[in-house]
Amino acid sequence: VQAHFASHGLDNIDHHCLTTQQFARSAVRQEMGEIGILLVDGYHSEEQARFDHEVFAPLLGGGGYALFHDSVREREATIYGADNPYRHTVLRYMDALRRDPAWEVLTLPFGGGL
């Protein structure tokens, strides 16, 4: 990961090969400062999107943004095999955020959404 980003001239990437659940309990997460952009792009379920967002939302600065991938429609995915399909349900979490006056939710309907 370091070499990949270095090949693009980026040397400020810290990669942690952990699930969000593992990272949330880590010392690194406890020591994190303010972030400006949060990209939620994980298991694509309503529950996981909520978890990912709630772990990092307190770190978003006043002008921070949270971006959610695969968030404009529900669909079935077979990335784990045709015999192990699951539904992308991030849209359900987006609907919940739309009802929360603390959040302004914009839909960018490119591909699966961002």
Protein backbone atom coordinates (compact mmCIF):
# COMPACT_ATOMS: atom_id res chain seq x y z
CA VAL A 1 0.00 0.00 0.00
CA GLN A 2 2.80 2.43 0.91
CA ALA A 3 4.61 1.74 -2.38
CA HIS A 4 1.43 2.16 -4.40
CA PHE A 5 0.67 5.59 -2.97
CA ALA A 6 4.33 6.62 -3.08
CA SER A 7 4.30 5.89 -6.82
CA HIS A 8 1.68 8.66 -7.06
CA GLY A 9 3.78 11.08 -5.02
CA LEU A 10 1.86 10.57 -1.78
CA ASP A 11 3.79 9.88 1.38
CA ASN A 12 1.22 10.71 4.04
CA ILE A 13 -0.83 7.51 3.91
CA ASP A 14 -1.18 5.36 7.03
CA HIS A 15 -2.68 1.99 6.10
CA HIS A 16 -4.22 -0.23 8.76
CA CYS A 17 -5.40 -3.66 7.59
CA LEU A 18 -8.26 -3.99 10.09
CA THR A 19 -12.03 -4.08 10.05
CA THR A 20 -13.72 -0.91 11.28
CA GLN A 21 -14.72 -2.82 14.40
CA GLN A 22 -11.07 -3.69 15.09
CA PHE A 23 -9.82 -0.21 14.22
CA ALA A 24 -12.43 1.45 16.47
CA ARG A 25 -10.85 -0.32 19.46
CA SER A 26 -7.27 0.45 18.45
CA ALA A 27 -4.95 2.97 20.06
CA VAL A 28 -4.48 4.63 16.67
CA ARG A 29 -8.21 5.41 16.45
CA GLN A 30 -8.25 6.76 20.01
CA GLU A 31 -5.41 9.15 19.14
CA MET A 32 -6.80 10.39 15.82
CA GLY A 33 -7.37 14.08 15.37
CA GLU A 34 -9.85 15.89 13.20
CA ILE A 35 -10.56 14.57 9.70
CA GLY A 36 -11.94 16.46 6.73
CA ILE A 37 -13.25 13.64 4.55
CA LEU A 38 -14.70 10.28 5.54
CA LEU A 39 -15.30 7.68 2.83
CA VAL A 40 -17.61 4.86 3.87
CA ASP A 41 -17.11 1.99 1.42
CA GLY A 42 -17.23 -1.33 3.20
CA TYR A 43 -19.63 -4.22 3.32
CA HIS A 44 -22.39 -2.05 1.78
CA SER A 45 -25.02 -2.86 4.38
CA GLU A 46 -27.13 -0.36 6.29
CA GLU A 47 -25.74 -1.68 9.57
CA GLN A 48 -22.08 -1.48 8.54
CA ALA A 49 -22.47 1.97 6.97
CA ARG A 50 -24.05 3.19 10.22
CA PHE A 51 -21.23 1.65 12.29
CA ASP A 52 -18.49 3.10 10.08
CA HIS A 53 -20.12 6.53 10.09
CA GLU A 54 -20.75 6.62 13.83
CA VAL A 55 -17.15 5.63 14.62
CA PHE A 56 -15.68 8.50 12.62
CA ALA A 57 -18.39 11.20 12.53
CA PRO A 58 -17.24 12.70 15.84
CA LEU A 59 -13.88 13.41 14.18
CA LEU A 60 -15.32 15.34 11.23
CA GLY A 61 -14.40 19.00 11.40
CA GLY A 62 -16.95 21.76 10.97
CA GLY A 63 -16.50 21.71 7.20
CA GLY A 64 -16.03 17.95 6.96
CA TYR A 65 -17.74 15.61 4.52
CA ALA A 66 -18.88 12.01 4.80
CA LEU A 67 -19.14 10.20 1.46
CA PHE A 68 -20.99 6.89 1.14
CA HIS A 69 -20.38 4.49 -1.73
CA ASP A 70 -23.16 2.33 -3.25
CA SER A 71 -25.76 4.49 -1.55
CA VAL A 72 -28.35 5.41 -4.20
CA ARG A 73 -30.18 2.11 -4.70
CA GLU A 74 -30.50 -1.34 -3.27
CA ARG A 75 -29.12 -4.15 -5.33
CA GLU A 76 -27.94 -7.70 -4.98
CA ALA A 77 -24.20 -8.32 -5.13
CA THR A 78 -22.40 -11.59 -5.76
CA ILE A 79 -18.84 -10.44 -5.07
CA TYR A 80 -18.51 -13.31 -2.56
CA GLY A 81 -19.81 -15.84 -5.10
CA ALA A 82 -23.08 -16.55 -6.83
CA ASP A 83 -24.01 -18.93 -4.02
CA ASN A 84 -23.43 -16.21 -1.38
CA PRO A 85 -25.33 -13.09 -2.53
CA TYR A 86 -26.10 -10.14 -0.30
CA ARG A 87 -28.03 -6.87 -0.71
CA HIS A 88 -26.48 -3.43 -0.76
CA THR A 89 -28.68 -1.55 1.73
CA VAL A 90 -26.66 1.64 2.41
CA LEU A 91 -29.58 3.59 0.92
CA ARG A 92 -31.59 2.76 4.05
CA TYR A 93 -29.00 4.50 6.21
CA MET A 94 -29.04 7.48 3.85
CA ASP A 95 -32.81 7.68 4.36
CA ALA A 96 -32.27 7.73 8.13
CA LEU A 97 -29.68 10.51 7.83
CA ARG A 98 -32.08 12.54 5.68
CA ARG A 99 -34.53 12.54 8.60
CA ASP A 100 -31.82 13.78 11.01
CA PRO A 101 -31.61 17.61 10.96
CA ALA A 102 -27.93 17.43 11.93
CA TRP A 103 -27.05 16.13 8.46
CA GLU A 104 -27.48 17.52 4.97
CA VAL A 105 -27.61 14.61 2.55
CA LEU A 106 -26.89 15.09 -1.15
CA THR A 107 -27.23 12.33 -3.70
CA LEU A 108 -24.61 12.05 -6.42
CA PRO A 109 -26.07 9.36 -8.71
CA PHE A 110 -22.84 8.29 -10.41
CA GLY A 111 -22.70 4.52 -10.81
CA GLY A 112 -23.64 3.08 -7.44
CA GLY A 113 -23.62 6.51 -5.88
CA LEU A 114 -21.26 8.53 -3.80
